[in-house]
Amino acid sequence: MAEVRLQEGESLENALRRFKRKVQQEDIIKEVKRHSFYLKPGEKKRVKQALARKRNRKKSRRDIE
């Protein structure tokens, strides 16, 4: 769980910016989205394979350049 304490003399906007950065680094949003709905095991497998294909295509494009 991301936690940010307000430092002395720090504005609320800066603390909010630090909090957002920390949440993004810990992948909290991605985890919440992943658990927000149920995927059947077969669907989960297809999604996982699609992501692997996407990663491999991206990697091969980088290798060519």
PDB file of N, CA and C in Angstrom:
ATOM      1  N   MET A   1       0.843  -1.175   0.000  1.00  0.00           N
ATOM      2  CA  MET A   1       0.000   0.000   0.000  1.00  0.00           C
ATOM      3  C   MET A   1       0.885   1.233   0.000  1.00  0.00           C
ATOM      4  N   ALA A   2       0.616   2.122  -0.907  1.00  0.00           N
ATOM      5  CA  ALA A   2       1.419   3.341  -1.033  1.00  0.00           C
ATOM      6  C   ALA A   2       1.048   4.319   0.073  1.00  0.00           C
ATOM      7  N   GLU A   3       2.064   4.874   0.668  1.00  0.00           N
ATOM      8  CA  GLU A   3       1.839   5.837   1.738  1.00  0.00           C
ATOM      9  C   GLU A   3       2.836   6.973   1.585  1.00  0.00           C
ATOM     10  N   VAL A   4       2.349   8.184   1.664  1.00  0.00           N
ATOM     11  CA  VAL A   4       3.204   9.365   1.564  1.00  0.00           C
ATOM     12  C   VAL A   4       2.855  10.280   2.721  1.00  0.00           C
ATOM     13  N   ARG A   5       3.868  10.637   3.477  1.00  0.00           N
ATOM     14  CA  ARG A   5       3.656  11.557   4.594  1.00  0.00           C
ATOM     15  C   ARG A   5       4.011  12.967   4.144  1.00  0.00           C
ATOM     16  N   LEU A   6       3.203  13.902   4.555  1.00  0.00           N
ATOM     17  CA  LEU A   6       3.423  15.299   4.212  1.00  0.00           C
ATOM     18  C   LEU A   6       4.640  15.811   4.988  1.00  0.00           C
ATOM     19  N   GLN A   7       5.641  16.255   4.258  1.00  0.00           N
ATOM     20  CA  GLN A   7       6.852  16.756   4.897  1.00  0.00           C
ATOM     21  C   GLN A   7       6.637  18.203   5.316  1.00  0.00           C
ATOM     22  N   GLU A   8       7.427  18.635   6.268  1.00  0.00           N
ATOM     23  CA  GLU A   8       7.263  19.975   6.801  1.00  0.00           C
ATOM     24  C   GLU A   8       7.554  21.016   5.718  1.00  0.00           C
ATOM     25  N   GLY A   9       6.612  21.919   5.517  1.00  0.00           N
ATOM     26  CA  GLY A   9       6.779  22.976   4.535  1.00  0.00           C
ATOM     27  C   GLY A   9       6.470  22.534   3.110  1.00  0.00           C
ATOM     28  N   GLU A  10       5.999  21.302   2.924  1.00  0.00           N
ATOM     29  CA  GLU A  10       5.704  20.795   1.578  1.00  0.00           C
ATOM     30  C   GLU A  10       4.254  21.093   1.224  1.00  0.00           C
ATOM     31  N   SER A  11       4.040  21.488  -0.024  1.00  0.00           N
ATOM     32  CA  SER A  11       2.674  21.773  -0.442  1.00  0.00           C
ATOM     33  C   SER A  11       1.926  20.468  -0.700  1.00  0.00           C
ATOM     34  N   LEU A  12       0.620  20.554  -0.641  1.00  0.00           N
ATOM     35  CA  LEU A  12      -0.218  19.387  -0.865  1.00  0.00           C
ATOM     36  C   LEU A  12      -0.064  18.881  -2.299  1.00  0.00           C
ATOM     37  N   GLU A  13       0.137  19.782  -3.251  1.00  0.00           N
ATOM     38  CA  GLU A  13       0.307  19.390  -4.652  1.00  0.00           C
ATOM     39  C   GLU A  13       1.553  18.531  -4.830  1.00  0.00           C
ATOM     40  N   ASN A  14       2.647  18.898  -4.162  1.00  0.00           N
ATOM     41  CA  ASN A  14       3.881  18.112  -4.258  1.00  0.00           C
ATOM     42  C   ASN A  14       3.706  16.739  -3.636  1.00  0.00           C
ATOM     43  N   ALA A  15       3.021  16.679  -2.506  1.00  0.00           N
ATOM     44  CA  ALA A  15       2.784  15.389  -1.858  1.00  0.00           C
ATOM     45  C   ALA A  15       1.900  14.508  -2.735  1.00  0.00           C
ATOM     46  N   LEU A  16       0.904  15.102  -3.367  1.00  0.00           N
ATOM     47  CA  LEU A  16       0.031  14.349  -4.264  1.00  0.00           C
ATOM     48  C   LEU A  16       0.816  13.826  -5.460  1.00  0.00           C
ATOM     49  N   ARG A  17       1.711  14.642  -5.979  1.00  0.00           N
ATOM     50  CA  ARG A  17       2.553  14.221  -7.102  1.00  0.00           C
ATOM     51  C   ARG A  17       3.437  13.044  -6.695  1.00  0.00           C
ATOM     52  N   ARG A  18       4.015  13.097  -5.486  1.00  0.00           N
ATOM     53  CA  ARG A  18       4.836  11.983  -4.994  1.00  0.00           C
ATOM     54  C   ARG A  18       4.002  10.721  -4.825  1.00  0.00           C
ATOM     55  N   PHE A  19       2.771  10.898  -4.313  1.00  0.00           N
ATOM     56  CA  PHE A  19       1.879   9.759  -4.113  1.00  0.00           C
ATOM     57  C   PHE A  19       1.537   9.095  -5.444  1.00  0.00           C
ATOM     58  N   LYS A  20       1.196   9.892  -6.453  1.00  0.00           N
ATOM     59  CA  LYS A  20       0.863   9.349  -7.767  1.00  0.00           C
ATOM     60  C   LYS A  20       2.047   8.582  -8.354  1.00  0.00           C
ATOM     61  N   ARG A  21       3.241   9.130  -8.209  1.00  0.00           N
ATOM     62  CA  ARG A  21       4.442   8.469  -8.726  1.00  0.00           C
ATOM     63  C   ARG A  21       4.667   7.138  -8.016  1.00  0.00           C
ATOM     64  N   LYS A  22       4.461   7.129  -6.709  1.00  0.00           N
ATOM     65  CA  LYS A  22       4.666   5.911  -5.935  1.00  0.00           C
ATOM     66  C   LYS A  22       3.641   4.842  -6.312  1.00  0.00           C
ATOM     67  N   VAL A  23       2.398   5.250  -6.497  1.00  0.00           N
ATOM     68  CA  VAL A  23       1.348   4.313  -6.908  1.00  0.00           C
ATOM     69  C   VAL A  23       1.692   3.723  -8.271  1.00  0.00           C
ATOM     70  N   GLN A  24       2.172   4.555  -9.173  1.00  0.00           N
ATOM     71  CA  GLN A  24       2.517   4.083 -10.506  1.00  0.00           C
ATOM     72  C   GLN A  24       3.700   3.125 -10.454  1.00  0.00           C
ATOM     73  N   GLN A  25       4.686   3.390  -9.629  1.00  0.00           N
ATOM     74  CA  GLN A  25       5.852   2.521  -9.524  1.00  0.00           C
ATOM     75  C   GLN A  25       5.487   1.164  -8.933  1.00  0.00           C
ATOM     76  N   GLU A  26       4.536   1.129  -8.023  1.00  0.00           N
ATOM     77  CA  GLU A  26       4.163  -0.126  -7.378  1.00  0.00           C
ATOM     78  C   GLU A  26       3.111  -0.900  -8.174  1.00  0.00           C
ATOM     79  N   ASP A  27       2.714  -0.388  -9.335  1.00  0.00           N
ATOM     80  CA  ASP A  27       1.732  -1.048 -10.209  1.00  0.00           C
ATOM     81  C   ASP A  27       0.424  -1.364  -9.503  1.00  0.00           C
ATOM     82  N   ILE A  28      -0.009  -0.487  -8.625  1.00  0.00           N
ATOM     83  CA  ILE A  28      -1.251  -0.699  -7.882  1.00  0.00           C
ATOM     84  C   ILE A  28      -2.448  -0.610  -8.819  1.00  0.00           C
ATOM     85  N   ILE A  29      -2.433   0.361  -9.726  1.00  0.00           N
ATOM     86  CA  ILE A  29      -3.554   0.548 -10.651  1.00  0.00           C
ATOM     87  C   ILE A  29      -3.699  -0.680 -11.542  1.00  0.00           C
ATOM     88  N   LYS A  30      -2.573  -1.181 -12.064  1.00  0.00           N
ATOM     89  CA  LYS A  30      -2.608  -2.352 -12.938  1.00  0.00           C
ATOM     90  C   LYS A  30      -3.173  -3.561 -12.201  1.00  0.00           C
ATOM     91  N   GLU A  31      -2.792  -3.718 -10.947  1.00  0.00           N
ATOM     92  CA  GLU A  31      -3.276  -4.853 -10.141  1.00  0.00           C
ATOM     93  C   GLU A  31      -4.776  -4.738  -9.882  1.00  0.00           C
ATOM     94  N   VAL A  32      -5.259  -3.548  -9.604  1.00  0.00           N
ATOM     95  CA  VAL A  32      -6.691  -3.339  -9.363  1.00  0.00           C
ATOM     96  C   VAL A  32      -7.485  -3.658 -10.623  1.00  0.00           C
ATOM     97  N   LYS A  33      -7.000  -3.187 -11.777  1.00  0.00           N
ATOM     98  CA  LYS A  33      -7.690  -3.464 -13.034  1.00  0.00           C
ATOM     99  C   LYS A  33      -7.714  -4.954 -13.328  1.00  0.00           C
ATOM    100  N   ARG A  34      -6.630  -5.639 -12.991  1.00  0.00           N
ATOM    101  CA  ARG A  34      -6.543  -7.074 -13.266  1.00  0.00           C
ATOM    102  C   ARG A  34      -7.540  -7.854 -12.417  1.00  0.00           C
ATOM    103  N   HIS A  35      -7.797  -7.401 -11.218  1.00  0.00           N
ATOM    104  CA  HIS A  35      -8.707  -8.110 -10.310  1.00  0.00           C
ATOM    105  C   HIS A  35     -10.134  -7.570 -10.362  1.00  0.00           C
ATOM    106  N   SER A  36     -10.401  -6.616 -11.239  1.00  0.00           N
ATOM    107  CA  SER A  36     -11.729  -6.020 -11.248  1.00  0.00           C
ATOM    108  C   SER A  36     -12.769  -6.899 -11.929  1.00  0.00           C
ATOM    109  N   PHE A  37     -12.329  -7.893 -12.701  1.00  0.00           N
ATOM    110  CA  PHE A  37     -13.275  -8.805 -13.346  1.00  0.00           C
ATOM    111  C   PHE A  37     -12.638 -10.181 -13.455  1.00  0.00           C
ATOM    112  N   TYR A  38     -13.479 -11.191 -13.623  1.00  0.00           N
ATOM    113  CA  TYR A  38     -13.007 -12.575 -13.656  1.00  0.00           C
ATOM    114  C   TYR A  38     -12.735 -13.007 -15.087  1.00  0.00           C
ATOM    115  N   LEU A  39     -11.604 -13.642 -15.296  1.00  0.00           N
ATOM    116  CA  LEU A  39     -11.280 -14.245 -16.583  1.00  0.00           C
ATOM    117  C   LEU A  39     -11.281 -15.756 -16.419  1.00  0.00           C
ATOM    118  N   LYS A  40     -11.941 -16.430 -17.335  1.00  0.00           N
ATOM    119  CA  LYS A  40     -11.906 -17.883 -17.323  1.00  0.00           C
ATOM    120  C   LYS A  40     -10.471 -18.324 -17.594  1.00  0.00           C
ATOM    121  N   PRO A  41     -10.086 -19.507 -17.129  1.00  0.00           N
ATOM    122  CA  PRO A  41      -8.708 -19.959 -17.344  1.00  0.00           C
ATOM    123  C   PRO A  41      -8.288 -19.950 -18.818  1.00  0.00           C
ATOM    124  N   GLY A  42      -9.183 -20.338 -19.712  1.00  0.00           N
ATOM    125  CA  GLY A  42      -8.845 -20.336 -21.136  1.00  0.00           C
ATOM    126  C   GLY A  42      -8.620 -18.933 -21.664  1.00  0.00           C
ATOM    127  N   GLU A  43      -9.456 -17.996 -21.223  1.00  0.00           N
ATOM    128  CA  GLU A  43      -9.303 -16.602 -21.644  1.00  0.00           C
ATOM    129  C   GLU A  43      -7.999 -16.023 -21.107  1.00  0.00           C
ATOM    130  N   LYS A  44      -7.682 -16.365 -19.863  1.00  0.00           N
ATOM    131  CA  LYS A  44      -6.453 -15.873 -19.247  1.00  0.00           C
ATOM    132  C   LYS A  44      -5.237 -16.360 -20.041  1.00  0.00           C
ATOM    133  N   LYS A  45      -5.299 -17.624 -20.476  1.00  0.00           N
ATOM    134  CA  LYS A  45      -4.214 -18.213 -21.263  1.00  0.00           C
ATOM    135  C   LYS A  45      -4.074 -17.488 -22.603  1.00  0.00           C
ATOM    136  N   ARG A  46      -5.205 -17.199 -23.266  1.00  0.00           N
ATOM    137  CA  ARG A  46      -5.162 -16.504 -24.553  1.00  0.00           C
ATOM    138  C   ARG A  46      -4.591 -15.096 -24.394  1.00  0.00           C
ATOM    139  N   VAL A  47      -4.979 -14.408 -23.344  1.00  0.00           N
ATOM    140  CA  VAL A  47      -4.460 -13.054 -23.092  1.00  0.00           C
ATOM    141  C   VAL A  47      -2.960 -13.112 -22.848  1.00  0.00           C
ATOM    142  N   LYS A  48      -2.530 -14.089 -22.074  1.00  0.00           N
ATOM    143  CA  LYS A  48      -1.112 -14.234 -21.761  1.00  0.00           C
ATOM    144  C   LYS A  48      -0.303 -14.508 -23.032  1.00  0.00           C
ATOM    145  N   GLN A  49      -0.828 -15.380 -23.905  1.00  0.00           N
ATOM    146  CA  GLN A  49      -0.142 -15.690 -25.161  1.00  0.00           C
ATOM    147  C   GLN A  49      -0.109 -14.475 -26.078  1.00  0.00           C
ATOM    148  N   ALA A  50      -1.186 -13.707 -26.115  1.00  0.00           N
ATOM    149  CA  ALA A  50      -1.229 -12.504 -26.951  1.00  0.00           C
ATOM    150  C   ALA A  50      -0.192 -11.490 -26.478  1.00  0.00           C
ATOM    151  N   LEU A  51      -0.068 -11.330 -25.162  1.00  0.00           N
ATOM    152  CA  LEU A  51       0.937 -10.407 -24.627  1.00  0.00           C
ATOM    153  C   LEU A  51       2.348 -10.882 -24.958  1.00  0.00           C
ATOM    154  N   ALA A  52       2.568 -12.208 -24.915  1.00  0.00           N
ATOM    155  CA  ALA A  52       3.884 -12.751 -25.257  1.00  0.00           C
ATOM    156  C   ALA A  52       4.200 -12.484 -26.725  1.00  0.00           C
ATOM    157  N   ARG A  53       3.203 -12.666 -27.626  1.00  0.00           N
ATOM    158  CA  ARG A  53       3.424 -12.387 -29.040  1.00  0.00           C
ATOM    159  C   ARG A  53       3.757 -10.916 -29.249  1.00  0.00           C
ATOM    160  N   LYS A  54       3.046 -10.046 -28.548  1.00  0.00           N
ATOM    161  CA  LYS A  54       3.281  -8.609 -28.666  1.00  0.00           C
ATOM    162  C   LYS A  54       4.695  -8.252 -28.202  1.00  0.00           C
ATOM    163  N   ARG A  55       5.119  -8.837 -27.077  1.00  0.00           N
ATOM    164  CA  ARG A  55       6.474  -8.592 -26.573  1.00  0.00           C
ATOM    165  C   ARG A  55       7.528  -9.057 -27.573  1.00  0.00           C
ATOM    166  N   ASN A  56       7.320 -10.242 -28.149  1.00  0.00           N
ATOM    167  CA  ASN A  56       8.291 -10.790 -29.103  1.00  0.00           C
ATOM    168  C   ASN A  56       8.378  -9.939 -30.362  1.00  0.00           C
ATOM    169  N   ARG A  57       7.226  -9.455 -30.859  1.00  0.00           N
ATOM    170  CA  ARG A  57       7.247  -8.586 -32.038  1.00  0.00           C
ATOM    171  C   ARG A  57       8.005  -7.302 -31.736  1.00  0.00           C
ATOM    172  N   LYS A  58       7.758  -6.737 -30.557  1.00  0.00           N
ATOM    173  CA  LYS A  58       8.430  -5.509 -30.171  1.00  0.00           C
ATOM    174  C   LYS A  58       9.937  -5.736 -30.036  1.00  0.00           C
ATOM    175  N   LYS A  59      10.312  -6.867 -29.448  1.00  0.00           N
ATOM    176  CA  LYS A  59      11.721  -7.190 -29.269  1.00  0.00           C
ATOM    177  C   LYS A  59      12.415  -7.386 -30.617  1.00  0.00           C
ATOM    178  N   SER A  60      11.726  -8.072 -31.541  1.00  0.00           N
ATOM    179  CA  SER A  60      12.332  -8.316 -32.841  1.00  0.00           C
ATOM    180  C   SER A  60      12.481  -7.005 -33.619  1.00  0.00           C
ATOM    181  N   ARG A  61      11.529  -6.075 -33.462  1.00  0.00           N
ATOM    182  CA  ARG A  61      11.657  -4.778 -34.125  1.00  0.00           C
ATOM    183  C   ARG A  61      12.859  -4.016 -33.593  1.00  0.00           C
ATOM    184  N   ARG A  62      13.097  -4.108 -32.297  1.00  0.00           N
ATOM    185  CA  ARG A  62      14.243  -3.419 -31.697  1.00  0.00           C
ATOM    186  C   ARG A  62      15.549  -4.027 -32.184  1.00  0.00           C
ATOM    187  N   ASP A  63      15.577  -5.362 -32.336  1.00  0.00           N
ATOM    188  CA  ASP A  63      16.799  -6.050 -32.776  1.00  0.00           C
ATOM    189  C   ASP A  63      17.154  -5.674 -34.204  1.00  0.00           C
ATOM    190  N   ILE A  64      16.146  -5.456 -35.051  1.00  0.00           N
ATOM    191  CA  ILE A  64      16.388  -5.103 -36.450  1.00  0.00           C
ATOM    192  C   ILE A  64      17.011  -3.719 -36.550  1.00  0.00           C
ATOM    193  N   GLU A  65      16.572  -2.789 -35.721  1.00  0.00           N
ATOM    194  CA  GLU A  65      17.061  -1.404 -35.777  1.00  0.00           C
ATOM    195  C   GLU A  65      18.404  -1.240 -35.177  1.00  0.00           C
TER     196      GLU A  65
END
